Amino acid sequence: MKRFLGFIKKEFYHIFRDKRSMFILFGMPIAQIMLFGFAITNEINNVNIAILDKSKDSETQKIINKISASQYFHIEQTINSESQIQSIFEKGKVKAVIIFENNFSKNLQTAKQGKVQIITDATDPNIANTITNYTNAILLNYIQEVNKTNIPTYSIDTQTQLYYNPELKGVFTFVPGVMTVILMLVSAMMTSISITREKELGTMEVLLVSPLNPLQVILGKVFPYVFLSIINATVIVILGVFVFGMPIQGSLFLLAAESILFIITALSLGILISNIAQTQQTAMMMSLMGLMLPVIILSGFIFPISSMPLPLQIISNIIPAKWFIIIIKAIMLKGATIDIIWKETLILIGMTLFFILLSIKKYKIRLE
């Protein structure tokens, strides 16, 4: 029995001595419950909206103040005409525009009814529905407060317009998100595991002393995944268009170029992981923790980033998938051109260069 207890004690000692095991046992559950608890929500908070107030009277100002005071919306800007709506939607600055009709206050007094139009981006159907419901709730609450002292009672007639997704098809969110996840998995995870496998088996040294130089070896390892990723992206787009009715409003050439850029970004991240990890298991864990969860949770694919706590919103900026989803939605649904998505494109280019330079630095340290 003493030998058995001694064996158990030894196993505990080995577990507590291994920092990676301790992280998996205690760090991962804590990180996951915090991440899932704060990030996974279908509610919206601080969503950017725009206001078009054609009336500019006391009643519309009271409603605008009430909307601004809520935790759900942040009034990003006030516009002067309906011709500005398309441009701000294309830039992705706002998710909805609330329009007050001319003579809103006068119509409440005379016709006992005012009209408000809610125009939503609708590239994400769930967010569009939630914005509409929250806005209607705020307007209803305002009317209830006003009607306490007014007889006969007033009412507000709301009209909803869905700009880019009038049928509220979920596939408009599903296709860009799945394309992003697959490209990240194939490009980054599989690349990191492939190179790490060579190191683990001891065959990487054999390749490095072959007539091929190290750069050619790395390029030879990653090129198949570039090819496979391009095929995957093409298949997803074709299925999305011809099976699910996904529109492509923008340039196919620009869509292809941005997809290849994201593939290169993911590949450079995979190479960085392979430089850090010494075993396939470590590479797999780093890929799952560092790629899968952030891509699904912090990219805006499923859950709105604006509703997350500020620290998670800041962290989401270093997730390449976030910027690619913005780009691909802008091209496919809004017909955006490079002059609209140039900032996101530069961010991806900058991330790619950063991952490559860091990989080179890590590689030199290992050689020394």
Protein backbone atom coordinates (compact mmCIF):
# COMPACT_ATOMS: atom_id res chain seq x y z
CA MET A 1 0.00 0.00 0.00
CA LYS A 2 2.89 2.33 0.85
CA ARG A 3 4.37 1.69 -2.59
CA PHE A 4 1.04 2.54 -4.21
CA LEU A 5 0.70 5.77 -2.18
CA GLY A 6 4.27 6.62 -3.02
CA PHE A 7 3.52 6.08 -6.71
CA ILE A 8 0.48 8.39 -6.49
CA LYS A 9 2.57 10.99 -4.69
CA LYS A 10 5.17 10.79 -7.46
CA GLU A 11 2.51 11.32 -10.13
CA PHE A 12 1.21 14.41 -8.31
CA TYR A 13 4.77 15.70 -8.12
CA HIS A 14 5.31 15.22 -11.85
CA ILE A 15 2.02 16.95 -12.68
CA PHE A 16 2.71 19.95 -10.44
CA ARG A 17 6.26 20.19 -11.78
CA ASP A 18 5.08 20.34 -15.40
CA LYS A 19 3.96 23.90 -16.09
CA ARG A 20 2.15 22.92 -19.27
CA SER A 21 0.09 20.31 -17.42
CA MET A 22 -0.78 22.85 -14.74
CA PHE A 23 -1.85 25.34 -17.39
CA ILE A 24 -4.07 22.76 -19.11
CA LEU A 25 -5.60 21.61 -15.81
CA PHE A 26 -6.27 25.00 -14.23
CA GLY A 27 -5.47 27.81 -16.65
CA MET A 28 -7.53 26.58 -19.60
CA PRO A 29 -10.83 26.08 -17.70
CA ILE A 30 -10.51 29.52 -16.08
CA ALA A 31 -9.69 31.19 -19.40
CA GLN A 32 -12.53 29.42 -21.18
CA ILE A 33 -15.20 30.18 -18.58
CA MET A 34 -14.15 33.85 -18.49
CA LEU A 35 -14.03 34.09 -22.26
CA PHE A 36 -17.31 32.27 -22.85
CA GLY A 37 -19.05 34.07 -19.99
CA PHE A 38 -18.22 37.56 -21.20
CA ALA A 39 -18.12 37.06 -24.96
CA ILE A 40 -20.97 34.67 -25.71
CA THR A 41 -24.11 36.75 -25.75
CA ASN A 42 -26.81 37.54 -28.26
CA GLU A 43 -27.50 40.87 -26.59
CA ILE A 44 -26.16 44.08 -28.07
CA ASN A 45 -24.45 46.94 -26.29
CA ASN A 46 -23.00 50.20 -27.57
CA VAL A 47 -23.89 49.45 -31.19
CA ASN A 48 -22.99 52.39 -33.42
CA ILE A 49 -25.99 54.01 -35.08
CA ALA A 50 -26.65 57.20 -37.03
CA ILE A 51 -29.52 59.67 -36.71
CA LEU A 52 -31.28 61.50 -39.53
CA ASP A 53 -33.54 64.05 -37.89
CA LYS A 54 -35.61 65.81 -40.55
CA SER A 55 -37.80 67.53 -38.00
CA LYS A 56 -35.26 68.84 -35.46
CA ASP A 57 -37.89 69.68 -32.86
CA SER A 58 -38.18 69.15 -29.11
CA GLU A 59 -39.89 65.75 -29.37
CA THR A 60 -37.27 64.21 -31.65
CA GLN A 61 -34.51 65.58 -29.42
CA LYS A 62 -36.09 63.94 -26.38
CA ILE A 63 -36.26 60.60 -28.19
CA ILE A 64 -32.67 60.95 -29.41
CA ASN A 65 -31.53 61.69 -25.85
CA LYS A 66 -33.41 58.63 -24.63
CA ILE A 67 -31.79 56.44 -27.28
CA SER A 68 -28.36 57.88 -26.48
CA ALA A 69 -28.86 57.31 -22.74
CA SER A 70 -29.56 53.61 -23.24
CA GLN A 71 -26.72 51.11 -22.95
CA TYR A 72 -27.70 49.52 -26.24
CA PHE A 73 -26.78 52.27 -28.69
CA HIS A 74 -24.00 54.75 -29.30
CA ILE A 75 -24.84 57.58 -31.68
CA GLU A 76 -21.81 57.56 -33.94
CA GLN A 77 -22.91 60.46 -36.12
CA THR A 78 -25.77 62.62 -37.26
CA ILE A 79 -26.39 62.76 -40.99
CA ASN A 80 -28.21 65.38 -43.05
CA SER A 81 -29.67 63.40 -45.94
CA GLU A 82 -30.62 59.88 -46.99
CA SER A 83 -27.90 59.95 -49.66
CA GLN A 84 -25.31 59.50 -46.91
CA ILE A 85 -26.78 56.21 -45.68
CA GLN A 86 -25.14 53.98 -48.27
CA SER A 87 -21.67 55.44 -47.76
CA ILE A 88 -21.70 54.99 -43.97
CA PHE A 89 -23.03 51.44 -44.32
CA GLU A 90 -20.29 50.64 -46.86
CA LYS A 91 -17.63 51.88 -44.47
CA GLY A 92 -19.09 49.74 -41.70
CA LYS A 93 -19.19 52.63 -39.25
CA VAL A 94 -22.78 52.08 -38.18
CA LYS A 95 -25.21 49.18 -38.04
CA ALA A 96 -28.43 51.19 -38.27
CA VAL A 97 -29.88 54.58 -39.16
CA ILE A 98 -32.93 55.99 -37.37
CA ILE A 99 -34.89 58.53 -39.42
CA PHE A 100 -37.45 60.97 -38.00
CA GLU A 101 -39.98 62.35 -40.47
CA ASN A 102 -40.53 66.04 -41.20
CA ASN A 103 -42.75 67.86 -38.70
CA PHE A 104 -42.60 64.96 -36.25
CA SER A 105 -43.78 66.99 -33.23
CA LYS A 106 -46.52 68.70 -35.27
CA ASN A 107 -47.82 65.35 -36.52
CA LEU A 108 -47.98 64.06 -32.95
CA GLN A 109 -50.08 67.06 -31.98
CA THR A 110 -52.40 67.05 -34.97
CA ALA A 111 -52.60 63.46 -36.26
CA LYS A 112 -51.65 61.93 -32.89
CA GLN A 113 -49.06 59.84 -34.69
CA GLY A 114 -45.43 60.26 -35.69
CA LYS A 115 -43.39 58.14 -38.05
CA VAL A 116 -39.90 56.75 -37.46
CA GLN A 117 -37.97 54.66 -39.97
CA ILE A 118 -35.34 52.16 -38.86
CA ILE A 119 -32.84 51.16 -41.54
CA THR A 120 -30.47 48.38 -40.53
CA ASP A 121 -27.33 47.09 -42.22
CA ALA A 122 -28.74 43.51 -41.87
CA THR A 123 -25.54 41.77 -42.99
CA ASP A 124 -25.95 40.03 -39.63
CA PRO A 125 -29.65 39.11 -39.33
CA ASN A 126 -29.56 38.55 -35.57
CA ILE A 127 -28.06 41.96 -34.86
CA ALA A 128 -30.54 43.61 -37.26
CA ASN A 129 -33.51 42.02 -35.49
CA THR A 130 -32.15 42.92 -32.07
CA ILE A 131 -31.53 46.55 -33.08
CA THR A 132 -35.09 46.82 -34.40
CA ASN A 133 -36.59 45.28 -31.26
CA TYR A 134 -34.54 47.46 -28.91
CA THR A 135 -35.40 50.63 -30.85
CA ASN A 136 -39.10 49.77 -30.84
CA ALA A 137 -38.91 49.13 -27.09
CA ILE A 138 -37.32 52.55 -26.47
CA LEU A 139 -39.93 54.30 -28.64
CA LEU A 140 -42.75 52.42 -26.89
CA ASN A 141 -41.40 53.38 -23.49
CA TYR A 142 -41.21 57.02 -24.55
CA ILE A 143 -44.81 57.02 -25.80
CA GLN A 144 -46.00 55.40 -22.57
CA GLU A 145 -44.34 58.15 -20.55
CA VAL A 146 -45.83 60.89 -22.76
CA ASN A 147 -49.33 59.39 -22.73
CA LYS A 148 -49.51 59.55 -18.95
CA THR A 149 -50.20 63.28 -19.25
CA ASN A 150 -51.77 63.46 -22.71
CA ILE A 151 -55.34 62.65 -23.72
CA PRO A 152 -55.97 61.58 -26.44
CA THR A 153 -52.88 59.42 -26.61
CA TYR A 154 -50.04 59.61 -29.09
CA SER A 155 -48.49 56.75 -31.07
CA ILE A 156 -45.36 56.21 -33.15
CA ASP A 157 -45.49 54.20 -36.35
CA THR A 158 -42.16 52.50 -37.05
CA GLN A 159 -41.12 51.31 -40.48
CA THR A 160 -38.20 48.91 -40.88
CA GLN A 161 -35.94 48.60 -43.89
CA LEU A 162 -33.23 45.93 -44.22
CA TYR A 163 -30.52 47.35 -46.42
CA TYR A 164 -28.22 44.54 -47.57
CA ASN A 165 -30.20 41.50 -46.47
CA PRO A 166 -33.91 42.15 -46.98
CA GLU A 167 -34.81 38.48 -46.46
CA LEU A 168 -32.70 38.18 -43.29
CA LYS A 169 -30.86 35.13 -44.59
CA GLY A 170 -28.52 33.64 -42.01
CA VAL A 171 -26.28 32.35 -44.79
CA PHE A 172 -25.03 35.92 -45.27
CA THR A 173 -23.24 35.51 -41.94
CA PHE A 174 -22.62 31.78 -42.20
CA VAL A 175 -20.64 31.71 -45.46
CA PRO A 176 -18.02 34.41 -44.61
CA GLY A 177 -17.58 32.99 -41.11
CA VAL A 178 -17.13 29.38 -42.20
CA MET A 179 -14.76 30.46 -44.96
CA THR A 180 -12.65 32.31 -42.40
CA VAL A 181 -12.56 29.40 -39.94
CA ILE A 182 -11.63 26.84 -42.62
CA LEU A 183 -8.89 29.00 -44.14
CA MET A 184 -7.42 29.63 -40.69
CA LEU A 185 -7.51 25.94 -39.77
CA VAL A 186 -6.08 24.63 -43.04
CA SER A 187 -3.49 27.36 -43.39
CA ALA A 188 -2.28 27.92 -39.83
CA MET A 189 -3.04 24.78 -37.83
CA MET A 190 -2.11 22.23 -40.47
CA THR A 191 1.05 24.13 -41.41
CA SER A 192 2.25 24.36 -37.80
CA ILE A 193 1.59 20.66 -37.22
CA SER A 194 3.26 19.64 -40.49
CA ILE A 195 6.51 21.50 -39.76
CA THR A 196 6.51 20.47 -36.10
CA ARG A 197 6.11 16.83 -37.13
CA GLU A 198 9.33 17.06 -39.11
CA LYS A 199 11.12 18.52 -36.09
CA GLU A 200 9.68 15.91 -33.74
CA LEU A 201 10.70 13.01 -36.00
CA GLY A 202 14.16 14.49 -36.56
CA THR A 203 13.71 14.76 -40.32
CA MET A 204 13.77 18.57 -40.36
CA GLU A 205 17.55 18.51 -39.80
CA VAL A 206 17.87 16.12 -42.73
CA LEU A 207 15.91 18.53 -44.93
CA LEU A 208 17.98 21.50 -43.78
CA VAL A 209 21.25 19.83 -44.78
CA SER A 210 19.84 18.86 -48.17
CA PRO A 211 20.70 20.86 -51.33
CA LEU A 212 17.61 22.99 -50.64
CA ASN A 213 18.16 26.09 -48.52
CA PRO A 214 15.97 26.62 -45.40
CA LEU A 215 13.70 29.12 -47.17
CA GLN A 216 12.99 26.63 -49.95
CA VAL A 217 12.25 23.93 -47.38
CA ILE A 218 9.72 26.13 -45.58
CA LEU A 219 8.12 27.29 -48.84
CA GLY A 220 7.92 23.70 -50.01
CA LYS A 221 6.16 22.71 -46.80
CA VAL A 222 3.59 25.53 -46.92
CA PHE A 223 2.86 25.71 -50.65
CA PRO A 224 0.49 22.70 -50.68
CA TYR A 225 -1.58 24.37 -47.97
CA VAL A 226 -1.76 27.58 -50.02
CA PHE A 227 -3.11 25.53 -52.91
CA LEU A 228 -5.55 23.58 -50.72
CA SER A 229 -6.75 26.76 -48.99
CA ILE A 230 -7.45 28.45 -52.33
CA ILE A 231 -9.46 25.39 -53.42
CA ASN A 232 -11.39 25.44 -50.14
CA ALA A 233 -12.15 29.14 -50.51
CA THR A 234 -13.31 28.64 -54.10
CA VAL A 235 -15.57 25.72 -53.17
CA ILE A 236 -17.13 27.65 -50.27
CA VAL A 237 -17.84 30.69 -52.46
CA ILE A 238 -19.32 28.54 -55.25
CA LEU A 239 -21.56 26.64 -52.81
CA GLY A 240 -22.58 29.87 -51.12
CA VAL A 241 -23.55 31.50 -54.41
CA PHE A 242 -25.21 28.63 -56.27
CA VAL A 243 -26.69 26.63 -53.39
CA PHE A 244 -27.51 29.26 -50.75
CA GLY A 245 -27.96 32.34 -52.93
CA MET A 246 -25.09 34.33 -51.43
CA PRO A 247 -24.56 37.48 -53.50
CA ILE A 248 -21.20 38.81 -54.65
CA GLN A 249 -21.76 42.51 -55.17
CA GLY A 250 -18.09 43.43 -55.43
CA SER A 251 -15.13 42.45 -57.57
CA LEU A 252 -14.24 38.77 -57.82
CA PHE A 253 -10.62 39.73 -58.38
CA LEU A 254 -10.56 41.79 -55.17
CA LEU A 255 -12.27 38.95 -53.28
CA ALA A 256 -9.63 36.49 -54.53
CA ALA A 257 -6.75 38.85 -53.71
CA GLU A 258 -8.00 39.48 -50.17
CA SER A 259 -8.54 35.74 -49.64
CA ILE A 260 -4.99 34.96 -50.73
CA LEU A 261 -3.70 37.72 -48.43
CA PHE A 262 -5.55 36.17 -45.48
CA ILE A 263 -4.22 32.71 -46.40
CA ILE A 264 -0.66 34.11 -46.36
CA THR A 265 -1.36 35.77 -43.00
CA ALA A 266 -2.61 32.47 -41.56
CA LEU A 267 0.36 30.58 -43.02
CA SER A 268 2.82 33.02 -41.47
CA LEU A 269 1.07 32.53 -38.12
CA GLY A 270 1.33 28.76 -38.56
CA ILE A 271 5.06 29.05 -39.26
CA LEU A 272 5.45 31.16 -36.10
CA ILE A 273 3.65 28.50 -34.04
CA SER A 274 5.88 25.79 -35.52
CA ASN A 275 8.95 27.80 -34.48
CA ILE A 276 7.71 28.04 -30.91
CA ALA A 277 6.33 24.51 -30.49
CA GLN A 278 8.64 21.52 -30.30
CA THR A 279 6.02 18.76 -30.60
CA GLN A 280 2.84 18.17 -32.58
CA GLN A 281 0.84 18.04 -29.36
CA THR A 282 2.10 21.46 -28.30
CA ALA A 283 1.41 22.87 -31.75
CA MET A 284 -2.11 21.44 -31.66
CA MET A 285 -2.82 22.94 -28.24
CA MET A 286 -1.44 26.33 -29.27
CA SER A 287 -3.47 26.25 -32.47
CA LEU A 288 -6.69 25.29 -30.71
CA MET A 289 -6.29 27.82 -27.91
CA GLY A 290 -4.72 30.54 -30.02
CA LEU A 291 -6.72 30.13 -33.22
CA MET A 292 -9.98 28.20 -32.89
CA LEU A 293 -11.50 29.95 -29.88
CA PRO A 294 -10.48 33.50 -30.91
CA VAL A 295 -11.64 32.94 -34.51
CA ILE A 296 -15.05 31.69 -33.41
CA ILE A 297 -15.62 33.98 -30.43
CA LEU A 298 -13.61 37.18 -30.92
CA SER A 299 -13.83 37.67 -34.69
CA GLY A 300 -17.44 38.88 -34.81
CA PHE A 301 -18.44 35.73 -36.72
CA ILE A 302 -21.16 34.72 -34.25
CA PHE A 303 -21.16 37.23 -31.40
CA PRO A 304 -21.13 41.05 -31.78
CA ILE A 305 -17.80 42.50 -30.69
CA SER A 306 -19.38 45.80 -29.61
CA SER A 307 -21.30 43.93 -26.89
CA MET A 308 -18.15 42.47 -25.33
CA PRO A 309 -16.24 44.07 -22.43
CA LEU A 310 -13.62 46.61 -23.47
CA PRO A 311 -10.60 44.34 -22.79
CA LEU A 312 -12.02 41.68 -25.16
CA GLN A 313 -12.76 44.34 -27.78
CA ILE A 314 -9.11 45.42 -27.61
CA ILE A 315 -7.89 41.81 -27.84
CA SER A 316 -10.14 41.21 -30.87
CA ASN A 317 -8.08 43.77 -32.83
CA ILE A 318 -5.12 41.35 -32.94
CA ILE A 319 -7.25 38.54 -34.38
CA PRO A 320 -6.65 38.41 -38.17
CA ALA A 321 -10.02 36.70 -38.71
CA LYS A 322 -11.87 39.78 -37.46
CA TRP A 323 -10.45 41.95 -40.22
CA PHE A 324 -10.95 39.32 -42.92
CA ILE A 325 -14.62 38.88 -42.00
CA ILE A 326 -15.09 42.65 -42.27
CA ILE A 327 -13.38 42.61 -45.67
CA ILE A 328 -15.23 39.63 -47.12
CA LYS A 329 -18.65 40.89 -45.97
CA ALA A 330 -17.93 44.32 -47.39
CA ILE A 331 -16.95 42.88 -50.78
CA MET A 332 -19.65 40.22 -51.08
CA LEU A 333 -22.61 42.04 -49.58
CA LYS A 334 -21.86 45.73 -49.98
CA GLY A 335 -19.84 45.77 -53.19
CA ALA A 336 -16.99 47.56 -51.44
CA THR A 337 -13.88 48.57 -53.34
CA ILE A 338 -10.30 48.81 -52.11
CA ASP A 339 -10.72 52.49 -51.18
CA ILE A 340 -13.23 51.41 -48.51
CA ILE A 341 -11.40 48.37 -47.08
CA TRP A 342 -7.82 49.64 -47.42
CA LYS A 343 -7.38 50.03 -43.65
CA GLU A 344 -8.34 46.42 -42.95
CA THR A 345 -6.10 45.29 -45.82
CA LEU A 346 -3.12 47.20 -44.42
CA ILE A 347 -3.75 45.66 -40.98
CA LEU A 348 -3.60 42.15 -42.47
CA ILE A 349 -0.41 43.02 -44.37
CA GLY A 350 1.12 44.42 -41.17
CA MET A 351 0.18 41.27 -39.22
CA THR A 352 1.71 39.08 -41.93
CA LEU A 353 5.01 40.99 -41.85
CA PHE A 354 5.03 40.89 -38.04
CA PHE A 355 4.51 37.10 -37.94
CA ILE A 356 7.21 36.55 -40.59
CA LEU A 357 9.76 38.80 -38.86
CA LEU A 358 9.05 37.18 -35.49
CA SER A 359 9.42 33.72 -37.04
CA ILE A 360 12.79 34.71 -38.54
CA LYS A 361 13.93 36.01 -35.15
CA LYS A 362 12.83 32.82 -33.39
CA TYR A 363 14.54 30.72 -36.06
CA LYS A 364 17.83 32.60 -35.65
CA ILE A 365 17.68 32.18 -31.86
CA ARG A 366 17.18 28.44 -32.28
CA LEU A 367 20.16 28.21 -34.65
CA GLU A 368 22.36 30.05 -32.16
